[in-house]
Protein backbone atom coordinates (compact mmCIF):
# COMPACT_ATOMS: atom_id res chain seq x y z
CA UNK A 1 10.64 -16.36 -24.68
CA UNK A 2 10.87 -12.66 -24.23
CA UNK A 3 7.39 -12.38 -23.05
CA UNK A 4 8.13 -15.31 -20.76
CA UNK A 5 11.11 -13.54 -19.48
CA UNK A 6 8.84 -10.41 -18.91
CA UNK A 7 6.14 -12.26 -17.12
CA UNK A 8 8.58 -13.66 -14.61
CA UNK A 9 10.30 -10.59 -14.24
CA UNK A 10 7.13 -9.02 -13.42
CA UNK A 11 5.97 -11.75 -11.14
CA UNK A 12 8.93 -11.51 -9.24
CA UNK A 13 8.97 -7.60 -8.60
CA UNK A 14 5.36 -7.74 -7.47
CA UNK A 15 5.64 -10.66 -4.91
CA UNK A 16 8.95 -8.72 -3.66
CA UNK A 17 7.04 -5.56 -3.68
CA UNK A 18 4.40 -7.26 -1.47
CA UNK A 19 6.95 -7.32 1.51
CA UNK A 20 6.86 -3.14 1.42
CA UNK A 21 3.64 -3.21 3.05
CA UNK A 22 5.23 -2.95 6.28
CA UNK A 23 6.23 0.45 5.61
CA UNK A 24 3.35 2.19 6.64
CA UNK A 25 3.15 5.41 3.74
CA UNK A 26 4.48 3.19 1.05
CA UNK A 27 1.67 2.98 -1.71
CA UNK A 28 2.02 -0.69 -2.38
CA UNK A 29 -1.36 -1.54 -4.49
CA UNK A 30 -0.41 1.60 -6.69
CA UNK A 31 3.09 -0.10 -7.14
CA UNK A 32 1.48 -3.45 -8.08
CA UNK A 33 -0.81 -1.65 -10.67
CA UNK A 34 2.06 0.27 -12.29
CA UNK A 35 4.30 -3.00 -12.62
CA UNK A 36 1.02 -4.71 -14.20
CA UNK A 37 0.22 -1.53 -16.39
CA UNK A 38 4.23 -1.28 -17.44
CA UNK A 39 3.87 -4.82 -18.11
CA UNK A 40 0.71 -4.52 -20.52
CA UNK A 41 2.23 -1.41 -22.57
CA UNK A 42 5.94 -3.38 -22.98
CA UNK A 43 3.86 -7.02 -23.68
CA UNK A 44 1.82 -4.86 -26.25
CA UNK A 45 4.97 -2.93 -27.51
CA UNK A 46 6.81 -6.81 -28.14
CA UNK A 47 4.29 -8.95 -29.39
CA UNK A 48 1.40 -6.55 -30.69
CA UNK A 49 -1.12 -7.95 -28.24
CA UNK A 50 -1.34 -7.72 -24.39
CA UNK A 51 -1.82 -10.36 -22.25
CA UNK A 52 -3.82 -8.11 -19.45
CA UNK A 53 -7.54 -8.07 -20.80
CA UNK A 54 -9.64 -4.98 -20.18
CA UNK A 55 -11.66 -6.45 -17.42
CA UNK A 56 -8.60 -7.34 -15.55
CA UNK A 57 -7.05 -4.08 -15.87
CA UNK A 58 -10.04 -2.26 -14.64
CA UNK A 59 -10.30 -4.66 -11.67
CA UNK A 60 -6.64 -4.29 -11.10
CA UNK A 61 -7.74 -0.09 -11.31
CA UNK A 62 -10.07 -0.53 -8.90
CA UNK A 63 -8.10 -2.63 -6.24
CA UNK A 64 -5.65 0.13 -6.45
CA UNK A 65 -7.76 2.65 -5.75
CA UNK A 66 -9.19 1.13 -2.95
CA UNK A 67 -5.84 -0.09 -1.53
CA UNK A 68 -4.51 3.61 -2.03
CA UNK A 69 -7.39 5.39 -0.43
CA UNK A 70 -8.20 3.27 2.50
CA UNK A 71 -7.31 5.84 4.96
CA UNK A 72 -10.35 7.83 3.54
CA UNK A 73 -12.69 5.25 3.37
CA UNK A 74 -12.08 2.60 6.39
CA UNK A 75 -13.44 5.19 9.20
CA UNK A 76 -16.79 4.72 7.47
CA UNK A 77 -16.53 1.19 8.35
CA UNK A 78 -16.04 2.06 11.97
CA UNK A 79 -12.25 1.86 11.67
CA UNK A 80 -11.63 5.55 12.90
CA UNK A 81 -9.11 6.62 15.21
CA UNK A 82 -11.76 7.90 17.92
CA UNK A 83 -8.74 9.01 20.12
CA UNK A 84 -6.63 10.74 17.57
CA UNK A 85 -7.09 14.53 16.84
CA UNK A 86 -6.51 15.83 13.36
CA UNK A 87 -3.31 17.66 14.23
CA UNK A 88 -2.43 14.07 15.52
CA UNK A 89 -2.75 12.31 12.44
CA UNK A 90 -0.97 15.24 10.60
CA UNK A 91 1.98 14.91 13.17
CA UNK A 92 1.80 10.45 12.19
CA UNK A 93 2.10 11.29 8.83
CA UNK A 94 5.30 13.49 9.46
CA UNK A 95 6.52 11.47 12.52
CA UNK A 96 6.26 8.17 9.74
CA UNK A 97 8.23 10.29 7.66
CA UNK A 98 11.20 11.38 9.75
CA UNK A 99 11.14 8.30 11.38
CA UNK A 100 11.73 6.32 8.39
CA UNK A 101 14.58 8.81 7.76
CA UNK A 102 16.19 9.05 11.03
CA UNK A 103 15.92 5.56 12.23
CA UNK A 104 17.65 3.59 9.82
CA UNK A 105 15.32 0.54 10.28
CA UNK A 106 12.45 1.49 7.82
CA UNK A 107 9.41 -0.27 9.19
CA UNK A 108 10.08 0.48 12.71
CA UNK A 109 11.45 3.81 12.04
CA UNK A 110 8.49 4.68 10.22
CA UNK A 111 5.90 3.10 12.72
CA UNK A 112 8.25 4.80 16.03
CA UNK A 113 8.12 7.75 14.35
CA UNK A 114 4.31 8.27 13.41
CA UNK A 115 3.25 6.80 17.43
CA UNK A 116 5.81 8.87 18.89
CA UNK A 117 5.26 12.19 17.01
CA UNK A 118 1.06 11.51 17.91
CA UNK A 119 1.93 11.06 21.85
CA UNK A 120 4.04 13.81 21.41
CA UNK A 121 1.62 16.26 19.92
CA UNK A 122 -1.30 14.43 21.65
CA UNK A 123 0.61 15.43 25.17
CA UNK A 124 1.08 18.92 24.32
CA UNK A 125 -2.43 19.55 23.27
CA UNK A 126 -4.16 17.76 26.36
CA UNK A 127 -1.20 17.53 29.03
CA UNK A 128 -2.78 14.01 30.24
CA UNK A 129 -0.12 10.94 29.50
CA UNK A 130 -2.81 8.43 29.64
CA UNK A 131 -4.59 9.85 26.76
CA UNK A 132 -1.72 10.84 24.65
CA UNK A 133 -0.67 6.94 25.24
CA UNK A 134 -3.91 5.70 24.10
CA UNK A 135 -3.98 8.16 20.90
CA UNK A 136 -0.30 6.60 20.09
CA UNK A 137 -2.38 3.16 20.42
CA UNK A 138 -4.85 4.35 17.94
CA UNK A 139 -1.98 5.27 15.84
CA UNK A 140 -0.72 1.91 15.98
CA UNK A 141 -4.11 0.17 15.29
CA UNK A 142 -4.59 2.46 12.25
CA UNK A 143 -1.43 1.35 10.71
CA UNK A 144 -2.08 -2.57 11.40
CA UNK A 145 -5.62 -2.17 9.85
CA UNK A 146 -4.09 0.10 7.23
CA UNK A 147 -1.52 -2.70 6.28
CA UNK A 148 -4.31 -5.28 6.27
CA UNK A 149 -6.50 -3.52 3.78
CA UNK A 150 -3.26 -2.53 1.85
CA UNK A 151 -1.89 -6.10 1.74
CA UNK A 152 -5.78 -7.54 0.80
CA UNK A 153 -5.78 -5.24 -2.51
CA UNK A 154 -2.26 -5.61 -3.34
CA UNK A 155 -2.93 -9.30 -3.27
CA UNK A 156 -6.24 -8.82 -5.58
CA UNK A 157 -3.98 -7.07 -8.07
CA UNK A 158 -0.81 -9.72 -8.29
CA UNK A 159 -4.30 -12.54 -8.20
CA UNK A 160 -5.55 -10.76 -11.11
CA UNK A 161 -2.59 -10.35 -12.82
CA UNK A 162 -1.86 -14.04 -12.60
CA UNK A 163 -5.52 -15.05 -13.83
CA UNK A 164 -5.18 -12.50 -17.07
CA UNK A 165 -1.56 -14.16 -17.68
CA UNK A 166 -3.34 -17.93 -17.68
CA UNK A 167 -6.39 -17.30 -19.24
CA UNK A 168 -4.98 -15.22 -22.37
CA UNK A 169 -3.13 -16.83 -24.57
CA UNK A 170 0.59 -15.01 -26.22
CA UNK A 171 -0.51 -13.97 -29.70
CA UNK A 172 2.99 -13.94 -31.72
CA UNK A 173 4.12 -10.19 -33.45
């Protein structure tokens, strides 16, 4: 009974946290992974066994690492910000944080803050509006690509969790 409630609570939290994908700097796959690992630990403490298998835990860890580091490896697949300088990238992250704080709607605040910061920094650097707005567009594309990658890996963690729960039997303590 307790384990069933724990499974239900974990599933609800995992599904709800998928909605956090829309916040650009939120590491949702890491959150999904943490929820699964906390479930595994609590389940082990309560029942003496875990419904999360070692292969499932390893697969979830791999998905978490890939999802959390997508900004590092996506450029190697051709998903790079050609119009975005290193300084523009730093401005983007700072702008996302400030936008999330200053604009009360987190998703919009983060996105607007990041894009505006890129445009301002790129304009200050090159003094050309067209190129600065192109850099802002590149930042928006990178946000969208990052969200898609994060969603794929976070969903894979949830799916792995569900498969592991369904394929292992509950063992009483």
